[in-house]
Amino acid sequence: MAITVESQKRPEGSKPNALRRSGLIPANLYGHQGTESISLVVDAKTVERLLKRAAVNKTEIELNIPELEWSGITVLREVQIHPAKGTPYHLSFFAFAKG
């Protein structure tokens, strides 16, 4: 069963630490269109729930980006954890080619 995650496009010029303070975790999506990547933000509470259930490079995650009208099956490619706080501070998703 795939886990569904809703995300938003990261606002232009937004600072990652300011996003984190407001409860959003910066993320990137790769592989959805060749070599292009999209900068995203995911709600921190969503990320906490996701990390309890998903294994890096194993668990299928359905990622929805309503603004871009994009959704697809991805895996968590990388989770960066803050060394002092132990909290996630950046995620990388990798999309499977449709077909």
PDB file of N, CA and C in Angstrom:
ATOM      1  N   MET A   1       0.839  -1.198   0.000  1.00  0.00           N
ATOM      2  CA  MET A   1       0.000   0.000   0.000  1.00  0.00           C
ATOM      3  C   MET A   1       0.876   1.251   0.000  1.00  0.00           C
ATOM      4  N   ALA A   2       0.662   2.093  -0.959  1.00  0.00           N
ATOM      5  CA  ALA A   2       1.461   3.320  -1.046  1.00  0.00           C
ATOM      6  C   ALA A   2       0.981   4.337  -0.012  1.00  0.00           C
ATOM      7  N   ILE A   3       1.908   5.108   0.482  1.00  0.00           N
ATOM      8  CA  ILE A   3       1.604   6.201   1.401  1.00  0.00           C
ATOM      9  C   ILE A   3       1.403   7.445   0.537  1.00  0.00           C
ATOM     10  N   THR A   4       0.403   8.241   0.851  1.00  0.00           N
ATOM     11  CA  THR A   4       0.168   9.455   0.072  1.00  0.00           C
ATOM     12  C   THR A   4       0.676  10.673   0.832  1.00  0.00           C
ATOM     13  N   VAL A   5       1.435  11.513   0.139  1.00  0.00           N
ATOM     14  CA  VAL A   5       1.981  12.729   0.737  1.00  0.00           C
ATOM     15  C   VAL A   5       1.609  13.913  -0.143  1.00  0.00           C
ATOM     16  N   GLU A   6       1.093  14.942   0.488  1.00  0.00           N
ATOM     17  CA  GLU A   6       0.750  16.173  -0.219  1.00  0.00           C
ATOM     18  C   GLU A   6       1.891  17.162  -0.020  1.00  0.00           C
ATOM     19  N   SER A   7       2.288  17.845  -1.093  1.00  0.00           N
ATOM     20  CA  SER A   7       3.350  18.838  -0.941  1.00  0.00           C
ATOM     21  C   SER A   7       3.008  20.075  -1.758  1.00  0.00           C
ATOM     22  N   GLN A   8       3.781  21.131  -1.522  1.00  0.00           N
ATOM     23  CA  GLN A   8       3.589  22.366  -2.274  1.00  0.00           C
ATOM     24  C   GLN A   8       4.909  22.757  -2.906  1.00  0.00           C
ATOM     25  N   LYS A   9       4.797  23.543  -3.954  1.00  0.00           N
ATOM     26  CA  LYS A   9       5.980  24.101  -4.584  1.00  0.00           C
ATOM     27  C   LYS A   9       6.618  25.075  -3.594  1.00  0.00           C
ATOM     28  N   ARG A  10       7.928  25.051  -3.506  1.00  0.00           N
ATOM     29  CA  ARG A  10       8.610  25.944  -2.581  1.00  0.00           C
ATOM     30  C   ARG A  10       8.549  27.371  -3.118  1.00  0.00           C
ATOM     31  N   PRO A  11       8.121  28.338  -2.293  1.00  0.00           N
ATOM     32  CA  PRO A  11       8.031  29.725  -2.765  1.00  0.00           C
ATOM     33  C   PRO A  11       9.392  30.234  -3.231  1.00  0.00           C
ATOM     34  N   GLU A  12       9.411  30.967  -4.350  1.00  0.00           N
ATOM     35  CA  GLU A  12      10.660  31.554  -4.870  1.00  0.00           C
ATOM     36  C   GLU A  12      11.337  32.377  -3.784  1.00  0.00           C
ATOM     37  N   GLY A  13      12.643  32.203  -3.655  1.00  0.00           N
ATOM     38  CA  GLY A  13      13.418  33.050  -2.747  1.00  0.00           C
ATOM     39  C   GLY A  13      13.199  32.766  -1.266  1.00  0.00           C
ATOM     40  N   SER A  14      12.489  31.681  -0.939  1.00  0.00           N
ATOM     41  CA  SER A  14      12.250  31.387   0.479  1.00  0.00           C
ATOM     42  C   SER A  14      13.509  30.779   1.093  1.00  0.00           C
ATOM     43  N   LYS A  15      13.741  31.100   2.339  1.00  0.00           N
ATOM     44  CA  LYS A  15      14.914  30.598   3.043  1.00  0.00           C
ATOM     45  C   LYS A  15      14.560  29.308   3.788  1.00  0.00           C
ATOM     46  N   PRO A  16      15.372  28.238   3.608  1.00  0.00           N
ATOM     47  CA  PRO A  16      15.056  26.957   4.241  1.00  0.00           C
ATOM     48  C   PRO A  16      14.816  27.048   5.747  1.00  0.00           C
ATOM     49  N   ASN A  17      15.634  27.827   6.471  1.00  0.00           N
ATOM     50  CA  ASN A  17      15.442  27.896   7.925  1.00  0.00           C
ATOM     51  C   ASN A  17      14.131  28.568   8.292  1.00  0.00           C
ATOM     52  N   ALA A  18      13.736  29.571   7.526  1.00  0.00           N
ATOM     53  CA  ALA A  18      12.453  30.233   7.778  1.00  0.00           C
ATOM     54  C   ALA A  18      11.309  29.252   7.513  1.00  0.00           C
ATOM     55  N   LEU A  19      11.450  28.443   6.480  1.00  0.00           N
ATOM     56  CA  LEU A  19      10.433  27.424   6.195  1.00  0.00           C
ATOM     57  C   LEU A  19      10.337  26.439   7.359  1.00  0.00           C
ATOM     58  N   ARG A  20      11.494  25.988   7.835  1.00  0.00           N
ATOM     59  CA  ARG A  20      11.503  25.015   8.944  1.00  0.00           C
ATOM     60  C   ARG A  20      10.846  25.601  10.192  1.00  0.00           C
ATOM     61  N   ARG A  21      11.136  26.882  10.472  1.00  0.00           N
ATOM     62  CA  ARG A  21      10.517  27.520  11.635  1.00  0.00           C
ATOM     63  C   ARG A  21       9.003  27.572  11.505  1.00  0.00           C
ATOM     64  N   SER A  22       8.513  27.682  10.271  1.00  0.00           N
ATOM     65  CA  SER A  22       7.061  27.751  10.090  1.00  0.00           C
ATOM     66  C   SER A  22       6.434  26.366   9.918  1.00  0.00           C
ATOM     67  N   GLY A  23       7.217  25.303  10.216  1.00  0.00           N
ATOM     68  CA  GLY A  23       6.647  23.951  10.212  1.00  0.00           C
ATOM     69  C   GLY A  23       6.662  23.251   8.861  1.00  0.00           C
ATOM     70  N   LEU A  24       7.538  23.711   7.950  1.00  0.00           N
ATOM     71  CA  LEU A  24       7.641  23.086   6.634  1.00  0.00           C
ATOM     72  C   LEU A  24       9.054  22.547   6.435  1.00  0.00           C
ATOM     73  N   ILE A  25       9.148  21.380   5.809  1.00  0.00           N
ATOM     74  CA  ILE A  25      10.443  20.777   5.538  1.00  0.00           C
ATOM     75  C   ILE A  25      10.730  20.912   4.036  1.00  0.00           C
ATOM     76  N   PRO A  26      11.866  21.516   3.666  1.00  0.00           N
ATOM     77  CA  PRO A  26      12.214  21.590   2.241  1.00  0.00           C
ATOM     78  C   PRO A  26      12.446  20.187   1.669  1.00  0.00           C
ATOM     79  N   ALA A  27      12.083  20.013   0.412  1.00  0.00           N
ATOM     80  CA  ALA A  27      12.254  18.719  -0.252  1.00  0.00           C
ATOM     81  C   ALA A  27      12.492  18.962  -1.736  1.00  0.00           C
ATOM     82  N   ASN A  28      13.014  17.941  -2.407  1.00  0.00           N
ATOM     83  CA  ASN A  28      13.181  18.011  -3.856  1.00  0.00           C
ATOM     84  C   ASN A  28      12.599  16.753  -4.474  1.00  0.00           C
ATOM     85  N   LEU A  29      12.089  16.917  -5.678  1.00  0.00           N
ATOM     86  CA  LEU A  29      11.587  15.783  -6.452  1.00  0.00           C
ATOM     87  C   LEU A  29      12.450  15.671  -7.693  1.00  0.00           C
ATOM     88  N   TYR A  30      12.997  14.480  -7.900  1.00  0.00           N
ATOM     89  CA  TYR A  30      13.826  14.212  -9.072  1.00  0.00           C
ATOM     90  C   TYR A  30      13.162  13.143  -9.918  1.00  0.00           C
ATOM     91  N   GLY A  31      13.525  13.106 -11.198  1.00  0.00           N
ATOM     92  CA  GLY A  31      13.108  12.000 -12.050  1.00  0.00           C
ATOM     93  C   GLY A  31      11.723  12.128 -12.646  1.00  0.00           C
ATOM     94  N   HIS A  32      10.978  13.184 -12.310  1.00  0.00           N
ATOM     95  CA  HIS A  32       9.610  13.310 -12.839  1.00  0.00           C
ATOM     96  C   HIS A  32       9.635  13.776 -14.293  1.00  0.00           C
ATOM     97  N   GLN A  33      10.686  14.501 -14.683  1.00  0.00           N
ATOM     98  CA  GLN A  33      10.823  14.979 -16.064  1.00  0.00           C
ATOM     99  C   GLN A  33      12.298  15.017 -16.399  1.00  0.00           C
ATOM    100  N   GLY A  34      12.845  13.898 -16.760  1.00  0.00           N
ATOM    101  CA  GLY A  34      14.265  13.856 -17.111  1.00  0.00           C
ATOM    102  C   GLY A  34      15.147  14.297 -15.960  1.00  0.00           C
ATOM    103  N   THR A  35      16.009  15.278 -16.231  1.00  0.00           N
ATOM    104  CA  THR A  35      16.988  15.683 -15.218  1.00  0.00           C
ATOM    105  C   THR A  35      16.516  16.848 -14.366  1.00  0.00           C
ATOM    106  N   GLU A  36      15.367  17.407 -14.700  1.00  0.00           N
ATOM    107  CA  GLU A  36      14.823  18.545 -13.957  1.00  0.00           C
ATOM    108  C   GLU A  36      14.459  18.133 -12.520  1.00  0.00           C
ATOM    109  N   SER A  37      14.582  19.062 -11.590  1.00  0.00           N
ATOM    110  CA  SER A  37      14.075  18.774 -10.241  1.00  0.00           C
ATOM    111  C   SER A  37      13.144  19.905  -9.825  1.00  0.00           C
ATOM    112  N   ILE A  38      12.236  19.594  -8.891  1.00  0.00           N
ATOM    113  CA  ILE A  38      11.306  20.615  -8.382  1.00  0.00           C
ATOM    114  C   ILE A  38      11.608  20.805  -6.910  1.00  0.00           C
ATOM    115  N   SER A  39      11.675  22.064  -6.479  1.00  0.00           N
ATOM    116  CA  SER A  39      11.822  22.368  -5.054  1.00  0.00           C
ATOM    117  C   SER A  39      10.438  22.396  -4.425  1.00  0.00           C
ATOM    118  N   LEU A  40      10.294  21.649  -3.344  1.00  0.00           N
ATOM    119  CA  LEU A  40       9.000  21.509  -2.680  1.00  0.00           C
ATOM    120  C   LEU A  40       9.133  21.818  -1.198  1.00  0.00           C
ATOM    121  N   VAL A  41       7.991  21.925  -0.542  1.00  0.00           N
ATOM    122  CA  VAL A  41       7.950  21.910   0.918  1.00  0.00           C
ATOM    123  C   VAL A  41       6.866  20.919   1.342  1.00  0.00           C
ATOM    124  N   VAL A  42       7.147  20.217   2.439  1.00  0.00           N
ATOM    125  CA  VAL A  42       6.194  19.255   2.993  1.00  0.00           C
ATOM    126  C   VAL A  42       5.990  19.627   4.459  1.00  0.00           C
ATOM    127  N   ASP A  43       4.755  19.551   4.910  1.00  0.00           N
ATOM    128  CA  ASP A  43       4.441  19.853   6.309  1.00  0.00           C
ATOM    129  C   ASP A  43       5.245  18.943   7.242  1.00  0.00           C
ATOM    130  N   ALA A  44       5.846  19.526   8.285  1.00  0.00           N
ATOM    131  CA  ALA A  44       6.714  18.766   9.198  1.00  0.00           C
ATOM    132  C   ALA A  44       5.980  17.598   9.859  1.00  0.00           C
ATOM    133  N   LYS A  45       4.709  17.778  10.209  1.00  0.00           N
ATOM    134  CA  LYS A  45       3.949  16.686  10.838  1.00  0.00           C
ATOM    135  C   LYS A  45       3.755  15.530   9.843  1.00  0.00           C
ATOM    136  N   THR A  46       3.532  15.874   8.581  1.00  0.00           N
ATOM    137  CA  THR A  46       3.407  14.861   7.530  1.00  0.00           C
ATOM    138  C   THR A  46       4.718  14.088   7.406  1.00  0.00           C
ATOM    139  N   VAL A  47       5.836  14.813   7.462  1.00  0.00           N
ATOM    140  CA  VAL A  47       7.154  14.179   7.356  1.00  0.00           C
ATOM    141  C   VAL A  47       7.374  13.217   8.517  1.00  0.00           C
ATOM    142  N   GLU A  48       7.022  13.639   9.734  1.00  0.00           N
ATOM    143  CA  GLU A  48       7.175  12.757  10.908  1.00  0.00           C
ATOM    144  C   GLU A  48       6.416  11.456  10.714  1.00  0.00           C
ATOM    145  N   ARG A  49       5.151  11.574  10.273  1.00  0.00           N
ATOM    146  CA  ARG A  49       4.334  10.367  10.044  1.00  0.00           C
ATOM    147  C   ARG A  49       4.942   9.510   8.941  1.00  0.00           C
ATOM    148  N   LEU A  50       5.412  10.172   7.889  1.00  0.00           N
ATOM    149  CA  LEU A  50       5.999   9.465   6.756  1.00  0.00           C
ATOM    150  C   LEU A  50       7.218   8.655   7.182  1.00  0.00           C
ATOM    151  N   LEU A  51       8.094   9.275   7.973  1.00  0.00           N
ATOM    152  CA  LEU A  51       9.338   8.611   8.352  1.00  0.00           C
ATOM    153  C   LEU A  51       9.117   7.433   9.298  1.00  0.00           C
ATOM    154  N   LYS A  52       7.975   7.415   9.985  1.00  0.00           N
ATOM    155  CA  LYS A  52       7.646   6.263  10.838  1.00  0.00           C
ATOM    156  C   LYS A  52       7.241   5.059   9.985  1.00  0.00           C
ATOM    157  N   ARG A  53       6.738   5.328   8.774  1.00  0.00           N
ATOM    158  CA  ARG A  53       6.174   4.260   7.956  1.00  0.00           C
ATOM    159  C   ARG A  53       6.984   3.909   6.717  1.00  0.00           C
ATOM    160  N   ALA A  54       7.862   4.828   6.298  1.00  0.00           N
ATOM    161  CA  ALA A  54       8.553   4.629   5.022  1.00  0.00           C
ATOM    162  C   ALA A  54      10.026   4.301   5.224  1.00  0.00           C
ATOM    163  N   ALA A  55      10.540   3.404   4.395  1.00  0.00           N
ATOM    164  CA  ALA A  55      11.963   3.079   4.397  1.00  0.00           C
ATOM    165  C   ALA A  55      12.599   3.718   3.163  1.00  0.00           C
ATOM    166  N   VAL A  56      13.766   4.322   3.349  1.00  0.00           N
ATOM    167  CA  VAL A  56      14.460   4.983   2.238  1.00  0.00           C
ATOM    168  C   VAL A  56      14.707   3.975   1.114  1.00  0.00           C
ATOM    169  N   ASN A  57      14.401   4.389  -0.105  1.00  0.00           N
ATOM    170  CA  ASN A  57      14.575   3.589  -1.324  1.00  0.00           C
ATOM    171  C   ASN A  57      13.715   2.331  -1.403  1.00  0.00           C
ATOM    172  N   LYS A  58      12.775   2.145  -0.454  1.00  0.00           N
ATOM    173  CA  LYS A  58      11.961   0.931  -0.487  1.00  0.00           C
ATOM    174  C   LYS A  58      10.469   1.216  -0.591  1.00  0.00           C
ATOM    175  N   THR A  59       9.961   2.089   0.264  1.00  0.00           N
ATOM    176  CA  THR A  59       8.519   2.284   0.357  1.00  0.00           C
ATOM    177  C   THR A  59       8.011   3.179  -0.764  1.00  0.00           C
ATOM    178  N   GLU A  60       6.964   2.727  -1.439  1.00  0.00           N
ATOM    179  CA  GLU A  60       6.355   3.570  -2.472  1.00  0.00           C
ATOM    180  C   GLU A  60       5.529   4.662  -1.822  1.00  0.00           C
ATOM    181  N   ILE A  61       5.718   5.873  -2.300  1.00  0.00           N
ATOM    182  CA  ILE A  61       5.007   7.032  -1.770  1.00  0.00           C
ATOM    183  C   ILE A  61       4.333   7.737  -2.927  1.00  0.00           C
ATOM    184  N   GLU A  62       3.036   7.921  -2.801  1.00  0.00           N
ATOM    185  CA  GLU A  62       2.346   8.700  -3.829  1.00  0.00           C
ATOM    186  C   GLU A  62       2.458  10.163  -3.445  1.00  0.00           C
ATOM    187  N   LEU A  63       3.167  10.921  -4.282  1.00  0.00           N
ATOM    188  CA  LEU A  63       3.406  12.326  -4.002  1.00  0.00           C
ATOM    189  C   LEU A  63       2.447  13.167  -4.830  1.00  0.00           C
ATOM    190  N   ASN A  64       1.712  14.057  -4.175  1.00  0.00           N
ATOM    191  CA  ASN A  64       0.783  14.952  -4.866  1.00  0.00           C
ATOM    192  C   ASN A  64       1.281  16.381  -4.765  1.00  0.00           C
ATOM    193  N   ILE A  65       1.286  17.078  -5.900  1.00  0.00           N
ATOM    194  CA  ILE A  65       1.637  18.503  -5.924  1.00  0.00           C
ATOM    195  C   ILE A  65       0.482  19.209  -6.631  1.00  0.00           C
ATOM    196  N   PRO A  66      -0.573  19.589  -5.867  1.00  0.00           N
ATOM    197  CA  PRO A  66      -1.776  20.143  -6.489  1.00  0.00           C
ATOM    198  C   PRO A  66      -1.513  21.342  -7.398  1.00  0.00           C
ATOM    199  N   GLU A  67      -0.616  22.256  -6.977  1.00  0.00           N
ATOM    200  CA  GLU A  67      -0.359  23.455  -7.792  1.00  0.00           C
ATOM    201  C   GLU A  67       0.134  23.116  -9.191  1.00  0.00           C
ATOM    202  N   LEU A  68       0.911  22.038  -9.291  1.00  0.00           N
ATOM    203  CA  LEU A  68       1.494  21.663 -10.582  1.00  0.00           C
ATOM    204  C   LEU A  68       0.646  20.601 -11.276  1.00  0.00           C
ATOM    205  N   GLU A  69      -0.452  20.227 -10.631  1.00  0.00           N
ATOM    206  CA  GLU A  69      -1.310  19.154 -11.129  1.00  0.00           C
ATOM    207  C   GLU A  69      -0.477  17.922 -11.456  1.00  0.00           C
ATOM    208  N   TRP A  70       0.460  17.606 -10.540  1.00  0.00           N
ATOM    209  CA  TRP A  70       1.314  16.443 -10.725  1.00  0.00           C
ATOM    210  C   TRP A  70       1.102  15.498  -9.553  1.00  0.00           C
ATOM    211  N   SER A  71       0.997  14.226  -9.854  1.00  0.00           N
ATOM    212  CA  SER A  71       1.061  13.236  -8.791  1.00  0.00           C
ATOM    213  C   SER A  71       1.648  11.984  -9.390  1.00  0.00           C
ATOM    214  N   GLY A  72       2.400  11.263  -8.584  1.00  0.00           N
ATOM    215  CA  GLY A  72       3.034  10.063  -9.098  1.00  0.00           C
ATOM    216  C   GLY A  72       3.644   9.259  -7.972  1.00  0.00           C
ATOM    217  N   ILE A  73       4.108   8.069  -8.321  1.00  0.00           N
ATOM    218  CA  ILE A  73       4.721   7.181  -7.338  1.00  0.00           C
ATOM    219  C   ILE A  73       6.209   7.516  -7.240  1.00  0.00           C
ATOM    220  N   THR A  74       6.647   7.710  -6.002  1.00  0.00           N
ATOM    221  CA  THR A  74       8.041   8.064  -5.740  1.00  0.00           C
ATOM    222  C   THR A  74       8.586   7.175  -4.630  1.00  0.00           C
ATOM    223  N   VAL A  75       9.892   7.240  -4.420  1.00  0.00           N
ATOM    224  CA  VAL A  75      10.507   6.685  -3.205  1.00  0.00           C
ATOM    225  C   VAL A  75      11.305   7.805  -2.555  1.00  0.00           C
ATOM    226  N   LEU A  76      11.515   7.676  -1.265  1.00  0.00           N
ATOM    227  CA  LEU A  76      12.399   8.600  -0.561  1.00  0.00           C
ATOM    228  C   LEU A  76      13.819   8.212  -0.938  1.00  0.00           C
ATOM    229  N   ARG A  77      14.525   9.101  -1.593  1.00  0.00           N
ATOM    230  CA  ARG A  77      15.892   8.791  -1.995  1.00  0.00           C
ATOM    231  C   ARG A  77      16.854   9.118  -0.854  1.00  0.00           C
ATOM    232  N   GLU A  78      16.575  10.217  -0.148  1.00  0.00           N
ATOM    233  CA  GLU A  78      17.488  10.649   0.905  1.00  0.00           C
ATOM    234  C   GLU A  78      16.722  11.442   1.957  1.00  0.00           C
ATOM    235  N   VAL A  79      17.061  11.216   3.216  1.00  0.00           N
ATOM    236  CA  VAL A  79      16.515  11.999   4.320  1.00  0.00           C
ATOM    237  C   VAL A  79      17.704  12.590   5.062  1.00  0.00           C
ATOM    238  N   GLN A  80      17.782  13.919   5.114  1.00  0.00           N
ATOM    239  CA  GLN A  80      18.860  14.556   5.873  1.00  0.00           C
ATOM    240  C   GLN A  80      18.326  14.903   7.258  1.00  0.00           C
ATOM    241  N   ILE A  81      19.053  14.465   8.265  1.00  0.00           N
ATOM    242  CA  ILE A  81      18.644  14.676   9.658  1.00  0.00           C
ATOM    243  C   ILE A  81      19.597  15.699  10.284  1.00  0.00           C
ATOM    244  N   HIS A  82      19.031  16.652  11.011  1.00  0.00           N
ATOM    245  CA  HIS A  82      19.842  17.668  11.693  1.00  0.00           C
ATOM    246  C   HIS A  82      20.723  16.977  12.736  1.00  0.00           C
ATOM    247  N   PRO A  83      22.057  17.174  12.682  1.00  0.00           N
ATOM    248  CA  PRO A  83      22.943  16.429  13.583  1.00  0.00           C
ATOM    249  C   PRO A  83      22.695  16.689  15.066  1.00  0.00           C
ATOM    250  N   ALA A  84      22.347  17.914  15.437  1.00  0.00           N
ATOM    251  CA  ALA A  84      22.153  18.221  16.857  1.00  0.00           C
ATOM    252  C   ALA A  84      20.728  17.928  17.306  1.00  0.00           C
ATOM    253  N   LYS A  85      19.753  18.328  16.494  1.00  0.00           N
ATOM    254  CA  LYS A  85      18.360  18.205  16.922  1.00  0.00           C
ATOM    255  C   LYS A  85      17.756  16.836  16.622  1.00  0.00           C
ATOM    256  N   GLY A  86      18.343  16.123  15.663  1.00  0.00           N
ATOM    257  CA  GLY A  86      17.802  14.814  15.309  1.00  0.00           C
ATOM    258  C   GLY A  86      16.491  14.888  14.539  1.00  0.00           C
ATOM    259  N   THR A  87      16.183  16.064  14.007  1.00  0.00           N
ATOM    260  CA  THR A  87      14.935  16.232  13.256  1.00  0.00           C
ATOM    261  C   THR A  87      15.249  16.276  11.758  1.00  0.00           C
ATOM    262  N   PRO A  88      14.319  15.805  10.934  1.00  0.00           N
ATOM    263  CA  PRO A  88      14.567  15.846   9.494  1.00  0.00           C
ATOM    264  C   PRO A  88      14.600  17.298   9.008  1.00  0.00           C
ATOM    265  N   TYR A  89      15.576  17.598   8.122  1.00  0.00           N
ATOM    266  CA  TYR A  89      15.572  18.965   7.606  1.00  0.00           C
ATOM    267  C   TYR A  89      15.590  19.044   6.091  1.00  0.00           C
ATOM    268  N   HIS A  90      15.707  17.924   5.413  1.00  0.00           N
ATOM    269  CA  HIS A  90      15.553  17.952   3.948  1.00  0.00           C
ATOM    270  C   HIS A  90      15.244  16.547   3.461  1.00  0.00           C
ATOM    271  N   LEU A  91      14.326  16.444   2.487  1.00  0.00           N
ATOM    272  CA  LEU A  91      13.981  15.156   1.885  1.00  0.00           C
ATOM    273  C   LEU A  91      14.233  15.211   0.390  1.00  0.00           C
ATOM    274  N   SER A  92      14.608  14.083  -0.175  1.00  0.00           N
ATOM    275  CA  SER A  92      14.687  13.958  -1.630  1.00  0.00           C
ATOM    276  C   SER A  92      13.784  12.812  -2.056  1.00  0.00           C
ATOM    277  N   PHE A  93      12.890  13.097  -2.998  1.00  0.00           N
ATOM    278  CA  PHE A  93      12.004  12.082  -3.568  1.00  0.00           C
ATOM    279  C   PHE A  93      12.480  11.774  -4.979  1.00  0.00           C
ATOM    280  N   PHE A  94      12.306  10.527  -5.395  1.00  0.00           N
ATOM    281  CA  PHE A  94      12.642  10.167  -6.769  1.00  0.00           C
ATOM    282  C   PHE A  94      11.412   9.527  -7.409  1.00  0.00           C
ATOM    283  N   ALA A  95      11.004  10.083  -8.543  1.00  0.00           N
ATOM    284  CA  ALA A  95       9.789   9.600  -9.211  1.00  0.00           C
ATOM    285  C   ALA A  95      10.134   8.461 -10.171  1.00  0.00           C
ATOM    286  N   PHE A  96       9.234   7.490 -10.248  1.00  0.00           N
ATOM    287  CA  PHE A  96       9.378   6.425 -11.232  1.00  0.00           C
ATOM    288  C   PHE A  96       8.821   6.908 -12.555  1.00  0.00           C
ATOM    289  N   ALA A  97       9.460   6.538 -13.641  1.00  0.00           N
ATOM    290  CA  ALA A  97       8.951   6.920 -14.957  1.00  0.00           C
ATOM    291  C   ALA A  97       7.599   6.277 -15.166  1.00  0.00           C
ATOM    292  N   LYS A  98       6.658   7.061 -15.697  1.00  0.00           N
ATOM    293  CA  LYS A  98       5.332   6.501 -15.980  1.00  0.00           C
ATOM    294  C   LYS A  98       5.421   5.717 -17.285  1.00  0.00           C
ATOM    295  N   GLY A  99       4.706   4.596 -17.313  1.00  0.00           N
ATOM    296  CA  GLY A  99       4.743   3.893 -18.578  1.00  0.00           C
ATOM    297  C   GLY A  99       4.533   2.430 -18.429  1.00  0.00           C
TER     298      GLY A  99
END
